[in-house]
Amino acid sequence: MGITGPARTSAPLAILAIGAVVLGAAAAGYLVTTFLFAFSGGQNRMVVVVNLGGLIVVGLDFLVAGSTWILRSPADAIKWTAIAAGAGWAAALIAEWVLSFWLGAR
């Protein structure tokens, strides 16, 4: 007889995939925002903002992963974590850009 239903994602593989998505996006997003806002133009005041923004995005990514895992499935948690990582870093980029002008960028 045939197999019925969708294939399940193993928990250790899903955890590794979520970790890779969050940490990969964090590395890329942190490098971009640090270069754009903390180093360019001598914006030393933006270092704290960039660090805090990175922590907030990573924390929200793991929150999305955990809540989606509980409510849906590990496969959905991977998908929604990737979406949240991209959207979170885009929002951080925009917020840090606005704050850089507010803190005195020229």
PDB file of N, CA and C in Angstrom:
ATOM      1  N   MET A   1       0.823  -1.162   0.000  1.00  0.00           N
ATOM      2  CA  MET A   1       0.000   0.000   0.000  1.00  0.00           C
ATOM      3  C   MET A   1       0.880   1.243   0.000  1.00  0.00           C
ATOM      4  N   GLY A   2       0.360   2.350  -0.470  1.00  0.00           N
ATOM      5  CA  GLY A   2       1.117   3.589  -0.594  1.00  0.00           C
ATOM      6  C   GLY A   2       1.169   4.365   0.707  1.00  0.00           C
ATOM      7  N   ILE A   3       2.090   5.285   0.745  1.00  0.00           N
ATOM      8  CA  ILE A   3       2.232   6.156   1.901  1.00  0.00           C
ATOM      9  C   ILE A   3       1.225   7.295   1.749  1.00  0.00           C
ATOM     10  N   THR A   4       0.505   7.557   2.806  1.00  0.00           N
ATOM     11  CA  THR A   4      -0.478   8.638   2.750  1.00  0.00           C
ATOM     12  C   THR A   4      -0.003   9.811   3.593  1.00  0.00           C
ATOM     13  N   GLY A   5      -0.353  10.996   3.186  1.00  0.00           N
ATOM     14  CA  GLY A   5      -0.002  12.196   3.947  1.00  0.00           C
ATOM     15  C   GLY A   5       1.366  12.730   3.558  1.00  0.00           C
ATOM     16  N   PRO A   6       1.632  13.957   3.958  1.00  0.00           N
ATOM     17  CA  PRO A   6       2.908  14.572   3.629  1.00  0.00           C
ATOM     18  C   PRO A   6       4.043  14.011   4.474  1.00  0.00           C
ATOM     19  N   ALA A   7       5.235  14.105   3.925  1.00  0.00           N
ATOM     20  CA  ALA A   7       6.412  13.650   4.668  1.00  0.00           C
ATOM     21  C   ALA A   7       6.677  14.615   5.822  1.00  0.00           C
ATOM     22  N   ARG A   8       7.149  14.088   6.929  1.00  0.00           N
ATOM     23  CA  ARG A   8       7.426  14.919   8.100  1.00  0.00           C
ATOM     24  C   ARG A   8       8.884  15.368   8.097  1.00  0.00           C
ATOM     25  N   THR A   9       9.108  16.571   8.584  1.00  0.00           N
ATOM     26  CA  THR A   9      10.455  17.097   8.743  1.00  0.00           C
ATOM     27  C   THR A   9      10.955  16.676  10.115  1.00  0.00           C
ATOM     28  N   SER A  10      12.155  16.089  10.159  1.00  0.00           N
ATOM     29  CA  SER A  10      12.688  15.653  11.447  1.00  0.00           C
ATOM     30  C   SER A  10      13.047  16.870  12.296  1.00  0.00           C
ATOM     31  N   ALA A  11      12.891  16.729  13.596  1.00  0.00           N
ATOM     32  CA  ALA A  11      13.121  17.849  14.511  1.00  0.00           C
ATOM     33  C   ALA A  11      14.569  18.336  14.487  1.00  0.00           C
ATOM     34  N   PRO A  12      15.577  17.455  14.549  1.00  0.00           N
ATOM     35  CA  PRO A  12      16.954  17.972  14.515  1.00  0.00           C
ATOM     36  C   PRO A  12      17.293  18.691  13.210  1.00  0.00           C
ATOM     37  N   LEU A  13      16.784  18.189  12.103  1.00  0.00           N
ATOM     38  CA  LEU A  13      17.029  18.843  10.819  1.00  0.00           C
ATOM     39  C   LEU A  13      16.344  20.203  10.766  1.00  0.00           C
ATOM     40  N   ALA A  14      15.142  20.300  11.292  1.00  0.00           N
ATOM     41  CA  ALA A  14      14.421  21.575  11.317  1.00  0.00           C
ATOM     42  C   ALA A  14      15.126  22.581  12.214  1.00  0.00           C
ATOM     43  N   ILE A  15      15.636  22.131  13.350  1.00  0.00           N
ATOM     44  CA  ILE A  15      16.368  23.024  14.253  1.00  0.00           C
ATOM     45  C   ILE A  15      17.623  23.556  13.572  1.00  0.00           C
ATOM     46  N   LEU A  16      18.351  22.688  12.890  1.00  0.00           N
ATOM     47  CA  LEU A  16      19.542  23.137  12.164  1.00  0.00           C
ATOM     48  C   LEU A  16      19.186  24.105  11.046  1.00  0.00           C
ATOM     49  N   ALA A  17      18.109  23.840  10.341  1.00  0.00           N
ATOM     50  CA  ALA A  17      17.691  24.727   9.253  1.00  0.00           C
ATOM     51  C   ALA A  17      17.277  26.096   9.795  1.00  0.00           C
ATOM     52  N   ILE A  18      16.522  26.118  10.880  1.00  0.00           N
ATOM     53  CA  ILE A  18      16.107  27.389  11.481  1.00  0.00           C
ATOM     54  C   ILE A  18      17.330  28.158  11.979  1.00  0.00           C
ATOM     55  N   GLY A  19      18.241  27.460  12.637  1.00  0.00           N
ATOM     56  CA  GLY A  19      19.466  28.110  13.100  1.00  0.00           C
ATOM     57  C   GLY A  19      20.282  28.682  11.954  1.00  0.00           C
ATOM     58  N   ALA A  20      20.376  27.934  10.858  1.00  0.00           N
ATOM     59  CA  ALA A  20      21.126  28.409   9.696  1.00  0.00           C
ATOM     60  C   ALA A  20      20.464  29.633   9.074  1.00  0.00           C
ATOM     61  N   VAL A  21      19.147  29.626   8.995  1.00  0.00           N
ATOM     62  CA  VAL A  21      18.418  30.773   8.424  1.00  0.00           C
ATOM     63  C   VAL A  21      18.620  32.008   9.291  1.00  0.00           C
ATOM     64  N   VAL A  22      18.406  31.866  10.592  1.00  0.00           N
ATOM     65  CA  VAL A  22      18.493  33.018  11.493  1.00  0.00           C
ATOM     66  C   VAL A  22      19.926  33.541  11.576  1.00  0.00           C
ATOM     67  N   LEU A  23      20.885  32.650  11.763  1.00  0.00           N
ATOM     68  CA  LEU A  23      22.265  33.106  11.910  1.00  0.00           C
ATOM     69  C   LEU A  23      22.857  33.600  10.601  1.00  0.00           C
ATOM     70  N   GLY A  24      22.473  32.996   9.484  1.00  0.00           N
ATOM     71  CA  GLY A  24      22.940  33.482   8.186  1.00  0.00           C
ATOM     72  C   GLY A  24      22.399  34.869   7.881  1.00  0.00           C
ATOM     73  N   ALA A  25      21.112  35.056   8.118  1.00  0.00           N
ATOM     74  CA  ALA A  25      20.516  36.376   7.905  1.00  0.00           C
ATOM     75  C   ALA A  25      21.081  37.390   8.888  1.00  0.00           C
ATOM     76  N   ALA A  26      21.350  36.958  10.125  1.00  0.00           N
ATOM     77  CA  ALA A  26      21.910  37.869  11.122  1.00  0.00           C
ATOM     78  C   ALA A  26      23.305  38.318  10.726  1.00  0.00           C
ATOM     79  N   ALA A  27      24.122  37.403  10.235  1.00  0.00           N
ATOM     80  CA  ALA A  27      25.475  37.773   9.819  1.00  0.00           C
ATOM     81  C   ALA A  27      25.433  38.772   8.672  1.00  0.00           C
ATOM     82  N   ALA A  28      24.635  38.486   7.669  1.00  0.00           N
ATOM     83  CA  ALA A  28      24.553  39.381   6.508  1.00  0.00           C
ATOM     84  C   ALA A  28      23.934  40.727   6.903  1.00  0.00           C
ATOM     85  N   GLY A  29      22.835  40.700   7.632  1.00  0.00           N
ATOM     86  CA  GLY A  29      22.160  41.931   8.025  1.00  0.00           C
ATOM     87  C   GLY A  29      23.004  42.792   8.951  1.00  0.00           C
ATOM     88  N   TYR A  30      23.691  42.148   9.887  1.00  0.00           N
ATOM     89  CA  TYR A  30      24.533  42.906  10.816  1.00  0.00           C
ATOM     90  C   TYR A  30      25.709  43.545  10.098  1.00  0.00           C
ATOM     91  N   LEU A  31      26.326  42.811   9.179  1.00  0.00           N
ATOM     92  CA  LEU A  31      27.442  43.386   8.424  1.00  0.00           C
ATOM     93  C   LEU A  31      26.987  44.575   7.577  1.00  0.00           C
ATOM     94  N   VAL A  32      25.852  44.440   6.925  1.00  0.00           N
ATOM     95  CA  VAL A  32      25.347  45.529   6.087  1.00  0.00           C
ATOM     96  C   VAL A  32      25.003  46.750   6.929  1.00  0.00           C
ATOM     97  N   THR A  33      24.252  46.561   8.006  1.00  0.00           N
ATOM     98  CA  THR A  33      23.850  47.707   8.809  1.00  0.00           C
ATOM     99  C   THR A  33      25.034  48.332   9.535  1.00  0.00           C
ATOM    100  N   THR A  34      25.992  47.523   9.969  1.00  0.00           N
ATOM    101  CA  THR A  34      27.181  48.076  10.607  1.00  0.00           C
ATOM    102  C   THR A  34      27.966  48.927   9.629  1.00  0.00           C
ATOM    103  N   PHE A  35      28.155  48.416   8.413  1.00  0.00           N
ATOM    104  CA  PHE A  35      28.899  49.174   7.416  1.00  0.00           C
ATOM    105  C   PHE A  35      28.182  50.463   7.044  1.00  0.00           C
ATOM    106  N   LEU A  36      26.878  50.380   6.842  1.00  0.00           N
ATOM    107  CA  LEU A  36      26.131  51.557   6.398  1.00  0.00           C
ATOM    108  C   LEU A  36      25.987  52.627   7.471  1.00  0.00           C
ATOM    109  N   PHE A  37      25.780  52.217   8.706  1.00  0.00           N
ATOM    110  CA  PHE A  37      25.397  53.192   9.711  1.00  0.00           C
ATOM    111  C   PHE A  37      26.424  53.416  10.810  1.00  0.00           C
ATOM    112  N   ALA A  38      27.207  52.432  11.169  1.00  0.00           N
ATOM    113  CA  ALA A  38      28.138  52.610  12.281  1.00  0.00           C
ATOM    114  C   ALA A  38      29.502  53.105  11.812  1.00  0.00           C
ATOM    115  N   PHE A  39      29.915  52.768  10.598  1.00  0.00           N
ATOM    116  CA  PHE A  39      31.249  53.142  10.134  1.00  0.00           C
ATOM    117  C   PHE A  39      31.244  54.281   9.136  1.00  0.00           C
ATOM    118  N   SER A  40      30.217  54.387   8.334  1.00  0.00           N
ATOM    119  CA  SER A  40      30.223  55.423   7.312  1.00  0.00           C
ATOM    120  C   SER A  40      29.902  56.775   7.935  1.00  0.00           C
ATOM    121  N   GLY A  41      30.713  57.751   7.654  1.00  0.00           N
ATOM    122  CA  GLY A  41      30.461  59.104   8.132  1.00  0.00           C
ATOM    123  C   GLY A  41      30.760  59.313   9.604  1.00  0.00           C
ATOM    124  N   GLY A  42      31.455  58.392  10.248  1.00  0.00           N
ATOM    125  CA  GLY A  42      31.819  58.575  11.647  1.00  0.00           C
ATOM    126  C   GLY A  42      30.655  58.555  12.603  1.00  0.00           C
ATOM    127  N   GLN A  43      29.663  57.760  12.326  1.00  0.00           N
ATOM    128  CA  GLN A  43      28.470  57.688  13.176  1.00  0.00           C
ATOM    129  C   GLN A  43      28.705  56.758  14.365  1.00  0.00           C
ATOM    130  N   ASN A  44      29.555  57.156  15.297  1.00  0.00           N
ATOM    131  CA  ASN A  44      29.826  56.319  16.465  1.00  0.00           C
ATOM    132  C   ASN A  44      28.599  56.121  17.333  1.00  0.00           C
ATOM    133  N   ARG A  45      27.671  57.079  17.295  1.00  0.00           N
ATOM    134  CA  ARG A  45      26.449  56.951  18.098  1.00  0.00           C
ATOM    135  C   ARG A  45      25.549  55.838  17.594  1.00  0.00           C
ATOM    136  N   MET A  46      25.742  55.418  16.342  1.00  0.00           N
ATOM    137  CA  MET A  46      24.873  54.389  15.756  1.00  0.00           C
ATOM    138  C   MET A  46      25.290  52.967  16.125  1.00  0.00           C
ATOM    139  N   VAL A  47      26.452  52.788  16.731  1.00  0.00           N
ATOM    140  CA  VAL A  47      26.905  51.438  17.079  1.00  0.00           C
ATOM    141  C   VAL A  47      25.910  50.777  18.024  1.00  0.00           C
ATOM    142  N   VAL A  48      25.447  51.491  19.020  1.00  0.00           N
ATOM    143  CA  VAL A  48      24.471  50.946  19.973  1.00  0.00           C
ATOM    144  C   VAL A  48      23.157  50.627  19.269  1.00  0.00           C
ATOM    145  N   VAL A  49      22.740  51.495  18.373  1.00  0.00           N
ATOM    146  CA  VAL A  49      21.487  51.283  17.643  1.00  0.00           C
ATOM    147  C   VAL A  49      21.591  50.045  16.762  1.00  0.00           C
ATOM    148  N   VAL A  50      22.708  49.888  16.067  1.00  0.00           N
ATOM    149  CA  VAL A  50      22.910  48.725  15.193  1.00  0.00           C
ATOM    150  C   VAL A  50      22.939  47.441  16.020  1.00  0.00           C
ATOM    151  N   ASN A  51      23.633  47.461  17.143  1.00  0.00           N
ATOM    152  CA  ASN A  51      23.696  46.269  17.996  1.00  0.00           C
ATOM    153  C   ASN A  51      22.316  45.907  18.554  1.00  0.00           C
ATOM    154  N   LEU A  52      21.603  46.889  19.026  1.00  0.00           N
ATOM    155  CA  LEU A  52      20.267  46.635  19.573  1.00  0.00           C
ATOM    156  C   LEU A  52      19.310  46.163  18.487  1.00  0.00           C
ATOM    157  N   GLY A  53      19.389  46.771  17.313  1.00  0.00           N
ATOM    158  CA  GLY A  53      18.545  46.342  16.197  1.00  0.00           C
ATOM    159  C   GLY A  53      18.805  44.888  15.816  1.00  0.00           C
ATOM    160  N   GLY A  54      20.070  44.500  15.793  1.00  0.00           N
ATOM    161  CA  GLY A  54      20.406  43.110  15.482  1.00  0.00           C
ATOM    162  C   GLY A  54      19.852  42.134  16.512  1.00  0.00           C
ATOM    163  N   LEU A  55      19.980  42.482  17.777  1.00  0.00           N
ATOM    164  CA  LEU A  55      19.445  41.614  18.835  1.00  0.00           C
ATOM    165  C   LEU A  55      17.929  41.493  18.752  1.00  0.00           C
ATOM    166  N   ILE A  56      17.260  42.587  18.442  1.00  0.00           N
ATOM    167  CA  ILE A  56      15.802  42.555  18.329  1.00  0.00           C
ATOM    168  C   ILE A  56      15.367  41.669  17.171  1.00  0.00           C
ATOM    169  N   VAL A  57      16.019  41.808  16.029  1.00  0.00           N
ATOM    170  CA  VAL A  57      15.637  41.001  14.862  1.00  0.00           C
ATOM    171  C   VAL A  57      15.885  39.523  15.120  1.00  0.00           C
ATOM    172  N   VAL A  58      17.030  39.174  15.681  1.00  0.00           N
ATOM    173  CA  VAL A  58      17.323  37.759  15.958  1.00  0.00           C
ATOM    174  C   VAL A  58      16.340  37.202  16.987  1.00  0.00           C
ATOM    175  N   GLY A  59      16.038  37.976  18.020  1.00  0.00           N
ATOM    176  CA  GLY A  59      15.070  37.530  19.019  1.00  0.00           C
ATOM    177  C   GLY A  59      13.689  37.301  18.428  1.00  0.00           C
ATOM    178  N   LEU A  60      13.258  38.219  17.570  1.00  0.00           N
ATOM    179  CA  LEU A  60      11.950  38.051  16.929  1.00  0.00           C
ATOM    180  C   LEU A  60      11.942  36.856  15.973  1.00  0.00           C
ATOM    181  N   ASP A  61      13.066  36.614  15.308  1.00  0.00           N
ATOM    182  CA  ASP A  61      13.144  35.449  14.419  1.00  0.00           C
ATOM    183  C   ASP A  61      12.965  34.152  15.200  1.00  0.00           C
ATOM    184  N   PHE A  62      13.642  34.047  16.338  1.00  0.00           N
ATOM    185  CA  PHE A  62      13.491  32.838  17.144  1.00  0.00           C
ATOM    186  C   PHE A  62      12.095  32.740  17.757  1.00  0.00           C
ATOM    187  N   LEU A  63      11.486  33.873  18.076  1.00  0.00           N
ATOM    188  CA  LEU A  63      10.111  33.869  18.576  1.00  0.00           C
ATOM    189  C   LEU A  63       9.141  33.376  17.506  1.00  0.00           C
ATOM    190  N   VAL A  64       9.327  33.843  16.281  1.00  0.00           N
ATOM    191  CA  VAL A  64       8.495  33.368  15.166  1.00  0.00           C
ATOM    192  C   VAL A  64       8.701  31.870  14.960  1.00  0.00           C
ATOM    193  N   ALA A  65       9.961  31.428  15.008  1.00  0.00           N
ATOM    194  CA  ALA A  65      10.249  30.005  14.811  1.00  0.00           C
ATOM    195  C   ALA A  65       9.573  29.144  15.876  1.00  0.00           C
ATOM    196  N   GLY A  66       9.704  29.546  17.119  1.00  0.00           N
ATOM    197  CA  GLY A  66       9.118  28.757  18.199  1.00  0.00           C
ATOM    198  C   GLY A  66       7.603  28.734  18.164  1.00  0.00           C
ATOM    199  N   SER A  67       7.014  29.889  17.952  1.00  0.00           N
ATOM    200  CA  SER A  67       5.550  29.935  17.952  1.00  0.00           C
ATOM    201  C   SER A  67       4.972  29.215  16.733  1.00  0.00           C
ATOM    202  N   THR A  68       5.616  29.331  15.583  1.00  0.00           N
ATOM    203  CA  THR A  68       5.120  28.625  14.401  1.00  0.00           C
ATOM    204  C   THR A  68       5.293  27.120  14.561  1.00  0.00           C
ATOM    205  N   TRP A  69       6.379  26.704  15.165  1.00  0.00           N
ATOM    206  CA  TRP A  69       6.616  25.278  15.411  1.00  0.00           C
ATOM    207  C   TRP A  69       5.505  24.715  16.293  1.00  0.00           C
ATOM    208  N   ILE A  70       5.145  25.452  17.338  1.00  0.00           N
ATOM    209  CA  ILE A  70       4.108  24.981  18.260  1.00  0.00           C
ATOM    210  C   ILE A  70       2.738  24.973  17.591  1.00  0.00           C
ATOM    211  N   LEU A  71       2.416  26.045  16.861  1.00  0.00           N
ATOM    212  CA  LEU A  71       1.089  26.173  16.274  1.00  0.00           C
ATOM    213  C   LEU A  71       0.905  25.375  14.986  1.00  0.00           C
ATOM    214  N   ARG A  72       1.956  25.221  14.212  1.00  0.00           N
ATOM    215  CA  ARG A  72       1.820  24.578  12.897  1.00  0.00           C
ATOM    216  C   ARG A  72       2.688  23.328  12.807  1.00  0.00           C
ATOM    217  N   SER A  73       3.878  23.473  12.212  1.00  0.00           N
ATOM    218  CA  SER A  73       4.759  22.323  12.019  1.00  0.00           C
ATOM    219  C   SER A  73       6.188  22.820  11.878  1.00  0.00           C
ATOM    220  N   PRO A  74       7.161  21.915  11.999  1.00  0.00           N
ATOM    221  CA  PRO A  74       8.553  22.332  11.804  1.00  0.00           C
ATOM    222  C   PRO A  74       8.820  22.884  10.399  1.00  0.00           C
ATOM    223  N   ALA A  75       8.207  22.309   9.379  1.00  0.00           N
ATOM    224  CA  ALA A  75       8.412  22.802   8.014  1.00  0.00           C
ATOM    225  C   ALA A  75       7.876  24.222   7.857  1.00  0.00           C
ATOM    226  N   ASP A  76       6.710  24.487   8.425  1.00  0.00           N
ATOM    227  CA  ASP A  76       6.167  25.847   8.389  1.00  0.00           C
ATOM    228  C   ASP A  76       7.028  26.802   9.207  1.00  0.00           C
ATOM    229  N   ALA A  77       7.608  26.305  10.303  1.00  0.00           N
ATOM    230  CA  ALA A  77       8.483  27.150  11.120  1.00  0.00           C
ATOM    231  C   ALA A  77       9.700  27.597  10.324  1.00  0.00           C
ATOM    232  N   ILE A  78      10.261  26.716   9.515  1.00  0.00           N
ATOM    233  CA  ILE A  78      11.411  27.086   8.674  1.00  0.00           C
ATOM    234  C   ILE A  78      11.001  28.159   7.679  1.00  0.00           C
ATOM    235  N   LYS A  79       9.873  27.951   7.025  1.00  0.00           N
ATOM    236  CA  LYS A  79       9.409  28.895   6.008  1.00  0.00           C
ATOM    237  C   LYS A  79       9.119  30.265   6.613  1.00  0.00           C
ATOM    238  N   TRP A  80       8.373  30.318   7.691  1.00  0.00           N
ATOM    239  CA  TRP A  80       7.999  31.598   8.282  1.00  0.00           C
ATOM    240  C   TRP A  80       9.175  32.278   8.966  1.00  0.00           C
ATOM    241  N   THR A  81      10.132  31.505   9.440  1.00  0.00           N
ATOM    242  CA  THR A  81      11.338  32.109  10.008  1.00  0.00           C
ATOM    243  C   THR A  81      12.151  32.800   8.923  1.00  0.00           C
ATOM    244  N   ALA A  82      12.242  32.188   7.760  1.00  0.00           N
ATOM    245  CA  ALA A  82      12.958  32.819   6.649  1.00  0.00           C
ATOM    246  C   ALA A  82      12.264  34.114   6.220  1.00  0.00           C
ATOM    247  N   ILE A  83      10.952  34.096   6.182  1.00  0.00           N
ATOM    248  CA  ILE A  83      10.202  35.305   5.837  1.00  0.00           C
ATOM    249  C   ILE A  83      10.409  36.382   6.901  1.00  0.00           C
ATOM    250  N   ALA A  84      10.340  35.987   8.167  1.00  0.00           N
ATOM    251  CA  ALA A  84      10.516  36.945   9.257  1.00  0.00           C
ATOM    252  C   ALA A  84      11.932  37.510   9.277  1.00  0.00           C
ATOM    253  N   ALA A  85      12.919  36.690   8.945  1.00  0.00           N
ATOM    254  CA  ALA A  85      14.306  37.169   8.925  1.00  0.00           C
ATOM    255  C   ALA A  85      14.486  38.238   7.853  1.00  0.00           C
ATOM    256  N   GLY A  86      13.980  37.983   6.668  1.00  0.00           N
ATOM    257  CA  GLY A  86      14.093  38.976   5.598  1.00  0.00           C
ATOM    258  C   GLY A  86      13.345  40.259   5.916  1.00  0.00           C
ATOM    259  N   ALA A  87      12.117  40.117   6.388  1.00  0.00           N
ATOM    260  CA  ALA A  87      11.313  41.297   6.721  1.00  0.00           C
ATOM    261  C   ALA A  87      11.901  42.049   7.915  1.00  0.00           C
ATOM    262  N   GLY A  88      12.413  41.318   8.881  1.00  0.00           N
ATOM    263  CA  GLY A  88      13.001  41.951  10.064  1.00  0.00           C
ATOM    264  C   GLY A  88      14.231  42.773   9.735  1.00  0.00           C
ATOM    265  N   TRP A  89      15.092  42.215   8.886  1.00  0.00           N
ATOM    266  CA  TRP A  89      16.298  42.973   8.523  1.00  0.00           C
ATOM    267  C   TRP A  89      15.965  44.145   7.616  1.00  0.00           C
ATOM    268  N   ALA A  90      14.949  44.015   6.790  1.00  0.00           N
ATOM    269  CA  ALA A  90      14.520  45.160   5.971  1.00  0.00           C
ATOM    270  C   ALA A  90      13.973  46.266   6.870  1.00  0.00           C
ATOM    271  N   ALA A  91      13.182  45.897   7.867  1.00  0.00           N
ATOM    272  CA  ALA A  91      12.643  46.882   8.805  1.00  0.00           C
ATOM    273  C   ALA A  91      13.762  47.512   9.630  1.00  0.00           C
ATOM    274  N   ALA A  92      14.747  46.712  10.040  1.00  0.00           N
ATOM    275  CA  ALA A  92      15.876  47.251  10.798  1.00  0.00           C
ATOM    276  C   ALA A  92      16.675  48.232   9.954  1.00  0.00           C
ATOM    277  N   LEU A  93      16.854  47.916   8.693  1.00  0.00           N
ATOM    278  CA  LEU A  93      17.585  48.802   7.790  1.00  0.00           C
ATOM    279  C   LEU A  93      16.879  50.148   7.667  1.00  0.00           C
ATOM    280  N   ILE A  94      15.578  50.125   7.493  1.00  0.00           N
ATOM    281  CA  ILE A  94      14.807  51.367   7.369  1.00  0.00           C
ATOM    282  C   ILE A  94      14.819  52.143   8.688  1.00  0.00           C
ATOM    283  N   ALA A  95      14.616  51.453   9.795  1.00  0.00           N
ATOM    284  CA  ALA A  95      14.592  52.125  11.098  1.00  0.00           C
ATOM    285  C   ALA A  95      15.947  52.740  11.429  1.00  0.00           C
ATOM    286  N   GLU A  96      17.021  52.023  11.133  1.00  0.00           N
ATOM    287  CA  GLU A  96      18.348  52.554  11.419  1.00  0.00           C
ATOM    288  C   GLU A  96      18.692  53.716  10.494  1.00  0.00           C
ATOM    289  N   TRP A  97      18.189  53.687   9.287  1.00  0.00           N
ATOM    290  CA  TRP A  97      18.411  54.797   8.367  1.00  0.00           C
ATOM    291  C   TRP A  97      17.733  56.053   8.899  1.00  0.00           C
ATOM    292  N   VAL A  98      16.485  55.906   9.349  1.00  0.00           N
ATOM    293  CA  VAL A  98      15.762  57.051   9.916  1.00  0.00           C
ATOM    294  C   VAL A  98      16.462  57.547  11.175  1.00  0.00           C
ATOM    295  N   LEU A  99      16.880  56.635  12.046  1.00  0.00           N
ATOM    296  CA  LEU A  99      17.550  57.039  13.281  1.00  0.00           C
ATOM    297  C   LEU A  99      18.904  57.682  13.023  1.00  0.00           C
ATOM    298  N   SER A 100      19.574  57.277  11.956  1.00  0.00           N
ATOM    299  CA  SER A 100      20.880  57.874  11.680  1.00  0.00           C
ATOM    300  C   SER A 100      20.734  59.355  11.352  1.00  0.00           C
ATOM    301  N   PHE A 101      19.664  59.741  10.668  1.00  0.00           N
ATOM    302  CA  PHE A 101      19.432  61.158  10.399  1.00  0.00           C
ATOM    303  C   PHE A 101      18.977  61.888  11.654  1.00  0.00           C
ATOM    304  N   TRP A 102      18.200  61.210  12.463  1.00  0.00           N
ATOM    305  CA  TRP A 102      17.730  61.807  13.697  1.00  0.00           C
ATOM    306  C   TRP A 102      18.894  62.050  14.665  1.00  0.00           C
ATOM    307  N   LEU A 103      19.907  61.143  14.636  1.00  0.00           N
ATOM    308  CA  LEU A 103      21.062  61.296  15.513  1.00  0.00           C
ATOM    309  C   LEU A 103      22.151  62.173  14.902  1.00  0.00           C
ATOM    310  N   GLY A 104      21.915  62.741  13.743  1.00  0.00           N
ATOM    311  CA  GLY A 104      22.835  63.732  13.236  1.00  0.00           C
ATOM    312  C   GLY A 104      23.650  63.383  12.012  1.00  0.00           C
ATOM    313  N   ALA A 105      23.231  62.440  11.209  1.00  0.00           N
ATOM    314  CA  ALA A 105      23.969  62.154   9.978  1.00  0.00           C
ATOM    315  C   ALA A 105      23.756  63.290   8.992  1.00  0.00           C
ATOM    316  N   ARG A 106      24.713  63.452   8.123  1.00  0.00           N
ATOM    317  CA  ARG A 106      24.609  64.509   7.098  1.00  0.00           C
ATOM    318  C   ARG A 106      24.591  63.919   5.745  1.00  0.00           C
TER     319      ARG A 106
END
